[in-house]
């Protein structure tokens, strides 16, 4: 599965937000976020996205300098 920014088209083998562990759930780096029930979450947690931005694991989209690509703006190929 490949992820791509719907704005600029940059692609990644893994979702770039998953490069950091999630501060909102027990998901480690490289794993998808989970719900309190332990099932896979439909979307990544916003706190994790911010952590990825702060850590430099996710760069803001060059076509939208004010914000990074959000998980719901990533397309699956």
PDB file of N, CA and C in Angstrom:
ATOM      1  N   UNK A   1       0.851  -1.167   0.000  1.00  0.00           N
ATOM      2  CA  UNK A   1       0.000   0.000   0.000  1.00  0.00           C
ATOM      3  C   UNK A   1       0.903   1.237   0.000  1.00  0.00           C
ATOM      4  N   UNK A   2       0.547   2.213  -0.791  1.00  0.00           N
ATOM      5  CA  UNK A   2       1.286   3.462  -0.868  1.00  0.00           C
ATOM      6  C   UNK A   2       0.371   4.603  -0.450  1.00  0.00           C
ATOM      7  N   UNK A   3       0.934   5.563   0.264  1.00  0.00           N
ATOM      8  CA  UNK A   3       0.190   6.752   0.679  1.00  0.00           C
ATOM      9  C   UNK A   3       0.695   7.940  -0.118  1.00  0.00           C
ATOM     10  N   UNK A   4      -0.208   8.836  -0.481  1.00  0.00           N
ATOM     11  CA  UNK A   4       0.182  10.020  -1.247  1.00  0.00           C
ATOM     12  C   UNK A   4      -0.581  11.229  -0.741  1.00  0.00           C
ATOM     13  N   UNK A   5       0.070  12.377  -0.767  1.00  0.00           N
ATOM     14  CA  UNK A   5      -0.571  13.633  -0.416  1.00  0.00           C
ATOM     15  C   UNK A   5      -1.495  14.024  -1.566  1.00  0.00           C
ATOM     16  N   UNK A   6      -2.729  14.339  -1.271  1.00  0.00           N
ATOM     17  CA  UNK A   6      -3.681  14.709  -2.318  1.00  0.00           C
ATOM     18  C   UNK A   6      -3.406  16.098  -2.872  1.00  0.00           C
ATOM     19  N   UNK A   7      -2.558  16.868  -2.201  1.00  0.00           N
ATOM     20  CA  UNK A   7      -2.233  18.218  -2.672  1.00  0.00           C
ATOM     21  C   UNK A   7      -1.042  18.207  -3.627  1.00  0.00           C
ATOM     22  N   UNK A   8       0.095  17.646  -3.186  1.00  0.00           N
ATOM     23  CA  UNK A   8       1.326  17.733  -3.979  1.00  0.00           C
ATOM     24  C   UNK A   8       1.686  16.428  -4.686  1.00  0.00           C
ATOM     25  N   UNK A   9       1.078  15.315  -4.274  1.00  0.00           N
ATOM     26  CA  UNK A   9       1.346  14.034  -4.914  1.00  0.00           C
ATOM     27  C   UNK A   9       2.538  13.270  -4.361  1.00  0.00           C
ATOM     28  N   UNK A  10       3.239  13.823  -3.351  1.00  0.00           N
ATOM     29  CA  UNK A  10       4.362  13.086  -2.760  1.00  0.00           C
ATOM     30  C   UNK A  10       3.850  11.751  -2.239  1.00  0.00           C
ATOM     31  N   UNK A  11       4.659  10.695  -2.419  1.00  0.00           N
ATOM     32  CA  UNK A  11       4.236   9.353  -2.033  1.00  0.00           C
ATOM     33  C   UNK A  11       5.183   8.745  -1.010  1.00  0.00           C
ATOM     34  N   UNK A  12       4.619   7.861  -0.182  1.00  0.00           N
ATOM     35  CA  UNK A  12       5.379   7.154   0.843  1.00  0.00           C
ATOM     36  C   UNK A  12       4.925   5.704   0.874  1.00  0.00           C
ATOM     37  N   UNK A  13       5.873   4.800   1.174  1.00  0.00           N
ATOM     38  CA  UNK A  13       5.539   3.384   1.340  1.00  0.00           C
ATOM     39  C   UNK A  13       4.701   3.169   2.598  1.00  0.00           C
ATOM     40  N   UNK A  14       5.039   3.924   3.666  1.00  0.00           N
ATOM     41  CA  UNK A  14       4.295   3.879   4.928  1.00  0.00           C
ATOM     42  C   UNK A  14       3.796   5.281   5.226  1.00  0.00           C
ATOM     43  N   UNK A  15       2.705   5.370   5.923  1.00  0.00           N
ATOM     44  CA  UNK A  15       2.178   6.682   6.285  1.00  0.00           C
ATOM     45  C   UNK A  15       3.238   7.401   7.117  1.00  0.00           C
ATOM     46  N   UNK A  16       3.661   8.619   6.732  1.00  0.00           N
ATOM     47  CA  UNK A  16       4.752   9.291   7.437  1.00  0.00           C
ATOM     48  C   UNK A  16       4.458   9.602   8.903  1.00  0.00           C
ATOM     49  N   UNK A  17       3.215   9.725   9.269  1.00  0.00           N
ATOM     50  CA  UNK A  17       2.870  10.003  10.669  1.00  0.00           C
ATOM     51  C   UNK A  17       3.221   8.812  11.558  1.00  0.00           C
ATOM     52  N   UNK A  18       3.237   7.605  10.987  1.00  0.00           N
ATOM     53  CA  UNK A  18       3.538   6.417  11.790  1.00  0.00           C
ATOM     54  C   UNK A  18       5.034   6.273  12.083  1.00  0.00           C
ATOM     55  N   UNK A  19       5.850   7.230  11.667  1.00  0.00           N
ATOM     56  CA  UNK A  19       7.283   7.183  11.977  1.00  0.00           C
ATOM     57  C   UNK A  19       7.560   7.468  13.455  1.00  0.00           C
ATOM     58  N   UNK A  20       6.580   8.015  14.151  1.00  0.00           N
ATOM     59  CA  UNK A  20       6.729   8.320  15.576  1.00  0.00           C
ATOM     60  C   UNK A  20       5.689   7.530  16.366  1.00  0.00           C
ATOM     61  N   UNK A  21       5.956   7.221  17.637  1.00  0.00           N
ATOM     62  CA  UNK A  21       4.952   6.544  18.458  1.00  0.00           C
ATOM     63  C   UNK A  21       3.795   7.502  18.752  1.00  0.00           C
ATOM     64  N   UNK A  22       2.635   6.962  18.992  1.00  0.00           N
ATOM     65  CA  UNK A  22       1.463   7.790  19.262  1.00  0.00           C
ATOM     66  C   UNK A  22       1.380   8.151  20.743  1.00  0.00           C
ATOM     67  N   UNK A  23       1.241   9.451  21.056  1.00  0.00           N
ATOM     68  CA  UNK A  23       1.104   9.846  22.449  1.00  0.00           C
ATOM     69  C   UNK A  23      -0.316   9.641  22.992  1.00  0.00           C
ATOM     70  N   UNK A  24      -1.268   9.322  22.108  1.00  0.00           N
ATOM     71  CA  UNK A  24      -2.661   9.182  22.532  1.00  0.00           C
ATOM     72  C   UNK A  24      -3.108   7.731  22.705  1.00  0.00           C
ATOM     73  N   UNK A  25      -2.317   6.782  22.190  1.00  0.00           N
ATOM     74  CA  UNK A  25      -2.667   5.366  22.323  1.00  0.00           C
ATOM     75  C   UNK A  25      -1.368   4.571  22.395  1.00  0.00           C
ATOM     76  N   UNK A  26      -1.435   3.269  22.622  1.00  0.00           N
ATOM     77  CA  UNK A  26      -0.201   2.489  22.780  1.00  0.00           C
ATOM     78  C   UNK A  26       0.511   2.129  21.477  1.00  0.00           C
ATOM     79  N   UNK A  27       0.143   2.722  20.344  1.00  0.00           N
ATOM     80  CA  UNK A  27       0.776   2.377  19.068  1.00  0.00           C
ATOM     81  C   UNK A  27       2.237   2.840  19.041  1.00  0.00           C
ATOM     82  N   UNK A  28       3.121   1.907  18.759  1.00  0.00           N
ATOM     83  CA  UNK A  28       4.551   2.209  18.644  1.00  0.00           C
ATOM     84  C   UNK A  28       4.832   2.775  17.256  1.00  0.00           C
ATOM     85  N   UNK A  29       6.015   3.324  17.076  1.00  0.00           N
ATOM     86  CA  UNK A  29       6.424   3.799  15.750  1.00  0.00           C
ATOM     87  C   UNK A  29       6.318   2.626  14.775  1.00  0.00           C
ATOM     88  N   UNK A  30       5.779   2.898  13.608  1.00  0.00           N
ATOM     89  CA  UNK A  30       5.603   1.860  12.600  1.00  0.00           C
ATOM     90  C   UNK A  30       4.261   1.165  12.654  1.00  0.00           C
ATOM     91  N   UNK A  31       3.489   1.402  13.712  1.00  0.00           N
ATOM     92  CA  UNK A  31       2.175   0.772  13.849  1.00  0.00           C
ATOM     93  C   UNK A  31       1.076   1.810  13.686  1.00  0.00           C
ATOM     94  N   UNK A  32      -0.088   1.357  13.250  1.00  0.00           N
ATOM     95  CA  UNK A  32      -1.249   2.222  13.109  1.00  0.00           C
ATOM     96  C   UNK A  32      -1.854   2.468  14.491  1.00  0.00           C
ATOM     97  N   UNK A  33      -2.541   3.585  14.668  1.00  0.00           N
ATOM     98  CA  UNK A  33      -3.197   3.888  15.947  1.00  0.00           C
ATOM     99  C   UNK A  33      -4.304   2.871  16.241  1.00  0.00           C
ATOM    100  N   UNK A  34      -4.590   2.707  17.526  1.00  0.00           N
ATOM    101  CA  UNK A  34      -5.633   1.778  17.948  1.00  0.00           C
ATOM    102  C   UNK A  34      -6.666   2.500  18.800  1.00  0.00           C
ATOM    103  N   UNK A  35      -7.847   1.928  18.800  1.00  0.00           N
ATOM    104  CA  UNK A  35      -8.933   2.447  19.637  1.00  0.00           C
ATOM    105  C   UNK A  35      -8.784   1.883  21.046  1.00  0.00           C
ATOM    106  N   UNK A  36      -9.515   2.447  22.009  1.00  0.00           N
ATOM    107  CA  UNK A  36      -9.439   1.902  23.371  1.00  0.00           C
ATOM    108  C   UNK A  36      -9.767   0.411  23.438  1.00  0.00           C
ATOM    109  N   UNK A  37     -10.575  -0.074  22.490  1.00  0.00           N
ATOM    110  CA  UNK A  37     -10.921  -1.495  22.459  1.00  0.00           C
ATOM    111  C   UNK A  37      -9.765  -2.365  21.974  1.00  0.00           C
ATOM    112  N   UNK A  38      -8.723  -1.722  21.424  1.00  0.00           N
ATOM    113  CA  UNK A  38      -7.593  -2.461  20.894  1.00  0.00           C
ATOM    114  C   UNK A  38      -7.668  -2.679  19.394  1.00  0.00           C
ATOM    115  N   UNK A  39      -8.802  -2.352  18.786  1.00  0.00           N
ATOM    116  CA  UNK A  39      -8.950  -2.491  17.344  1.00  0.00           C
ATOM    117  C   UNK A  39      -8.267  -1.334  16.626  1.00  0.00           C
ATOM    118  N   UNK A  40      -7.894  -1.560  15.381  1.00  0.00           N
ATOM    119  CA  UNK A  40      -7.239  -0.512  14.596  1.00  0.00           C
ATOM    120  C   UNK A  40      -8.176   0.680  14.406  1.00  0.00           C
ATOM    121  N   UNK A  41      -7.645   1.873  14.619  1.00  0.00           N
ATOM    122  CA  UNK A  41      -8.420   3.097  14.427  1.00  0.00           C
ATOM    123  C   UNK A  41      -8.548   3.387  12.933  1.00  0.00           C
ATOM    124  N   UNK A  42      -9.621   4.062  12.551  1.00  0.00           N
ATOM    125  CA  UNK A  42      -9.829   4.422  11.155  1.00  0.00           C
ATOM    126  C   UNK A  42      -8.878   5.539  10.730  1.00  0.00           C
ATOM    127  N   UNK A  43      -8.539   6.418  11.657  1.00  0.00           N
ATOM    128  CA  UNK A  43      -7.655   7.533  11.363  1.00  0.00           C
ATOM    129  C   UNK A  43      -6.561   7.604  12.421  1.00  0.00           C
ATOM    130  N   UNK A  44      -5.458   8.227  12.059  1.00  0.00           N
ATOM    131  CA  UNK A  44      -4.376   8.437  13.014  1.00  0.00           C
ATOM    132  C   UNK A  44      -4.746   9.587  13.941  1.00  0.00           C
ATOM    133  N   UNK A  45      -4.266   9.541  15.182  1.00  0.00           N
ATOM    134  CA  UNK A  45      -4.583  10.586  16.149  1.00  0.00           C
ATOM    135  C   UNK A  45      -3.910  11.914  15.796  1.00  0.00           C
ATOM    136  N   UNK A  46      -4.625  13.006  16.007  1.00  0.00           N
ATOM    137  CA  UNK A  46      -4.107  14.343  15.698  1.00  0.00           C
ATOM    138  C   UNK A  46      -2.854  14.655  16.515  1.00  0.00           C
ATOM    139  N   UNK A  47      -2.800  14.194  17.757  1.00  0.00           N
ATOM    140  CA  UNK A  47      -1.624  14.438  18.601  1.00  0.00           C
ATOM    141  C   UNK A  47      -0.386  13.768  18.001  1.00  0.00           C
ATOM    142  N   UNK A  48      -0.575  12.643  17.356  1.00  0.00           N
ATOM    143  CA  UNK A  48       0.545  11.953  16.717  1.00  0.00           C
ATOM    144  C   UNK A  48       1.011  12.720  15.486  1.00  0.00           C
ATOM    145  N   UNK A  49       0.082  13.261  14.749  1.00  0.00           N
ATOM    146  CA  UNK A  49       0.434  14.067  13.586  1.00  0.00           C
ATOM    147  C   UNK A  49       1.265  15.279  14.016  1.00  0.00           C
ATOM    148  N   UNK A  50       0.858  15.922  15.106  1.00  0.00           N
ATOM    149  CA  UNK A  50       1.605  17.078  15.594  1.00  0.00           C
ATOM    150  C   UNK A  50       2.998  16.659  16.063  1.00  0.00           C
ATOM    151  N   UNK A  51       3.091  15.521  16.728  1.00  0.00           N
ATOM    152  CA  UNK A  51       4.386  15.009  17.171  1.00  0.00           C
ATOM    153  C   UNK A  51       5.290  14.727  15.971  1.00  0.00           C
ATOM    154  N   UNK A  52       4.730  14.158  14.910  1.00  0.00           N
ATOM    155  CA  UNK A  52       5.506  13.879  13.697  1.00  0.00           C
ATOM    156  C   UNK A  52       6.013  15.174  13.067  1.00  0.00           C
ATOM    157  N   UNK A  53       5.180  16.202  13.071  1.00  0.00           N
ATOM    158  CA  UNK A  53       5.611  17.510  12.559  1.00  0.00           C
ATOM    159  C   UNK A  53       6.730  18.081  13.418  1.00  0.00           C
ATOM    160  N   UNK A  54       6.548  18.053  14.733  1.00  0.00           N
ATOM    161  CA  UNK A  54       7.534  18.601  15.665  1.00  0.00           C
ATOM    162  C   UNK A  54       8.871  17.856  15.587  1.00  0.00           C
ATOM    163  N   UNK A  55       8.811  16.540  15.365  1.00  0.00           N
ATOM    164  CA  UNK A  55      10.017  15.712  15.314  1.00  0.00           C
ATOM    165  C   UNK A  55      10.696  15.750  13.947  1.00  0.00           C
ATOM    166  N   UNK A  56      10.059  16.361  12.961  1.00  0.00           N
ATOM    167  CA  UNK A  56      10.625  16.417  11.618  1.00  0.00           C
ATOM    168  C   UNK A  56      10.377  15.172  10.795  1.00  0.00           C
ATOM    169  N   UNK A  57       9.536  14.263  11.281  1.00  0.00           N
ATOM    170  CA  UNK A  57       9.215  13.046  10.548  1.00  0.00           C
ATOM    171  C   UNK A  57       8.197  13.309   9.446  1.00  0.00           C
ATOM    172  N   UNK A  58       7.531  14.424   9.518  1.00  0.00           N
ATOM    173  CA  UNK A  58       6.522  14.816   8.542  1.00  0.00           C
ATOM    174  C   UNK A  58       6.725  16.293   8.245  1.00  0.00           C
ATOM    175  N   UNK A  59       6.934  16.614   7.001  1.00  0.00           N
ATOM    176  CA  UNK A  59       7.116  18.008   6.611  1.00  0.00           C
ATOM    177  C   UNK A  59       5.789  18.567   6.103  1.00  0.00           C
ATOM    178  N   UNK A  60       5.541  19.844   6.342  1.00  0.00           N
ATOM    179  CA  UNK A  60       4.326  20.445   5.792  1.00  0.00           C
ATOM    180  C   UNK A  60       4.326  20.339   4.268  1.00  0.00           C
ATOM    181  N   UNK A  61       3.176  20.145   3.694  1.00  0.00           N
ATOM    182  CA  UNK A  61       3.035  20.053   2.242  1.00  0.00           C
ATOM    183  C   UNK A  61       3.481  21.373   1.615  1.00  0.00           C
ATOM    184  N   UNK A  62       4.337  21.336   0.601  1.00  0.00           N
ATOM    185  CA  UNK A  62       4.803  22.572  -0.029  1.00  0.00           C
ATOM    186  C   UNK A  62       3.699  23.352  -0.732  1.00  0.00           C
ATOM    187  N   UNK A  63       2.610  22.696  -1.069  1.00  0.00           N
ATOM    188  CA  UNK A  63       1.495  23.388  -1.720  1.00  0.00           C
ATOM    189  C   UNK A  63       0.510  23.968  -0.719  1.00  0.00           C
ATOM    190  N   UNK A  64       0.706  23.675   0.544  1.00  0.00           N
ATOM    191  CA  UNK A  64      -0.133  24.215   1.611  1.00  0.00           C
ATOM    192  C   UNK A  64       0.776  24.536   2.791  1.00  0.00           C
ATOM    193  N   UNK A  65       1.590  25.603   2.698  1.00  0.00           N
ATOM    194  CA  UNK A  65       2.605  25.887   3.717  1.00  0.00           C
ATOM    195  C   UNK A  65       2.077  26.049   5.135  1.00  0.00           C
ATOM    196  N   UNK A  66       0.815  26.314   5.293  1.00  0.00           N
ATOM    197  CA  UNK A  66       0.247  26.523   6.626  1.00  0.00           C
ATOM    198  C   UNK A  66      -0.126  25.224   7.325  1.00  0.00           C
ATOM    199  N   UNK A  67      -0.193  24.116   6.602  1.00  0.00           N
ATOM    200  CA  UNK A  67      -0.592  22.870   7.253  1.00  0.00           C
ATOM    201  C   UNK A  67       0.025  21.672   6.552  1.00  0.00           C
ATOM    202  N   UNK A  68       0.207  20.617   7.306  1.00  0.00           N
ATOM    203  CA  UNK A  68       0.727  19.366   6.768  1.00  0.00           C
ATOM    204  C   UNK A  68      -0.420  18.546   6.210  1.00  0.00           C
ATOM    205  N   UNK A  69      -0.138  17.583   5.343  1.00  0.00           N
ATOM    206  CA  UNK A  69      -1.204  16.720   4.860  1.00  0.00           C
ATOM    207  C   UNK A  69      -1.832  15.959   6.021  1.00  0.00           C
ATOM    208  N   UNK A  70      -3.125  15.996   6.114  1.00  0.00           N
ATOM    209  CA  UNK A  70      -3.855  15.310   7.173  1.00  0.00           C
ATOM    210  C   UNK A  70      -4.088  13.865   6.761  1.00  0.00           C
ATOM    211  N   UNK A  71      -4.262  12.964   7.732  1.00  0.00           N
ATOM    212  CA  UNK A  71      -4.509  11.567   7.376  1.00  0.00           C
ATOM    213  C   UNK A  71      -5.677  11.396   6.412  1.00  0.00           C
ATOM    214  N   UNK A  72      -6.721  12.212   6.528  1.00  0.00           N
ATOM    215  CA  UNK A  72      -7.863  12.064   5.626  1.00  0.00           C
ATOM    216  C   UNK A  72      -7.582  12.657   4.250  1.00  0.00           C
ATOM    217  N   UNK A  73      -6.421  13.295   4.062  1.00  0.00           N
ATOM    218  CA  UNK A  73      -6.047  13.825   2.764  1.00  0.00           C
ATOM    219  C   UNK A  73      -5.028  12.919   2.075  1.00  0.00           C
ATOM    220  N   UNK A  74      -4.690  11.796   2.700  1.00  0.00           N
ATOM    221  CA  UNK A  74      -3.783  10.831   2.111  1.00  0.00           C
ATOM    222  C   UNK A  74      -4.629   9.880   1.270  1.00  0.00           C
ATOM    223  N   UNK A  75      -4.136   9.583   0.090  1.00  0.00           N
ATOM    224  CA  UNK A  75      -4.840   8.666  -0.789  1.00  0.00           C
ATOM    225  C   UNK A  75      -4.118   7.321  -0.773  1.00  0.00           C
ATOM    226  N   UNK A  76      -4.868   6.256  -0.823  1.00  0.00           N
ATOM    227  CA  UNK A  76      -4.295   4.906  -0.887  1.00  0.00           C
ATOM    228  C   UNK A  76      -4.202   4.479  -2.333  1.00  0.00           C
ATOM    229  N   UNK A  77      -3.085   3.891  -2.720  1.00  0.00           N
ATOM    230  CA  UNK A  77      -2.906   3.398  -4.073  1.00  0.00           C
ATOM    231  C   UNK A  77      -2.782   1.911  -4.055  1.00  0.00           C
TER     232      UNK A  77
END
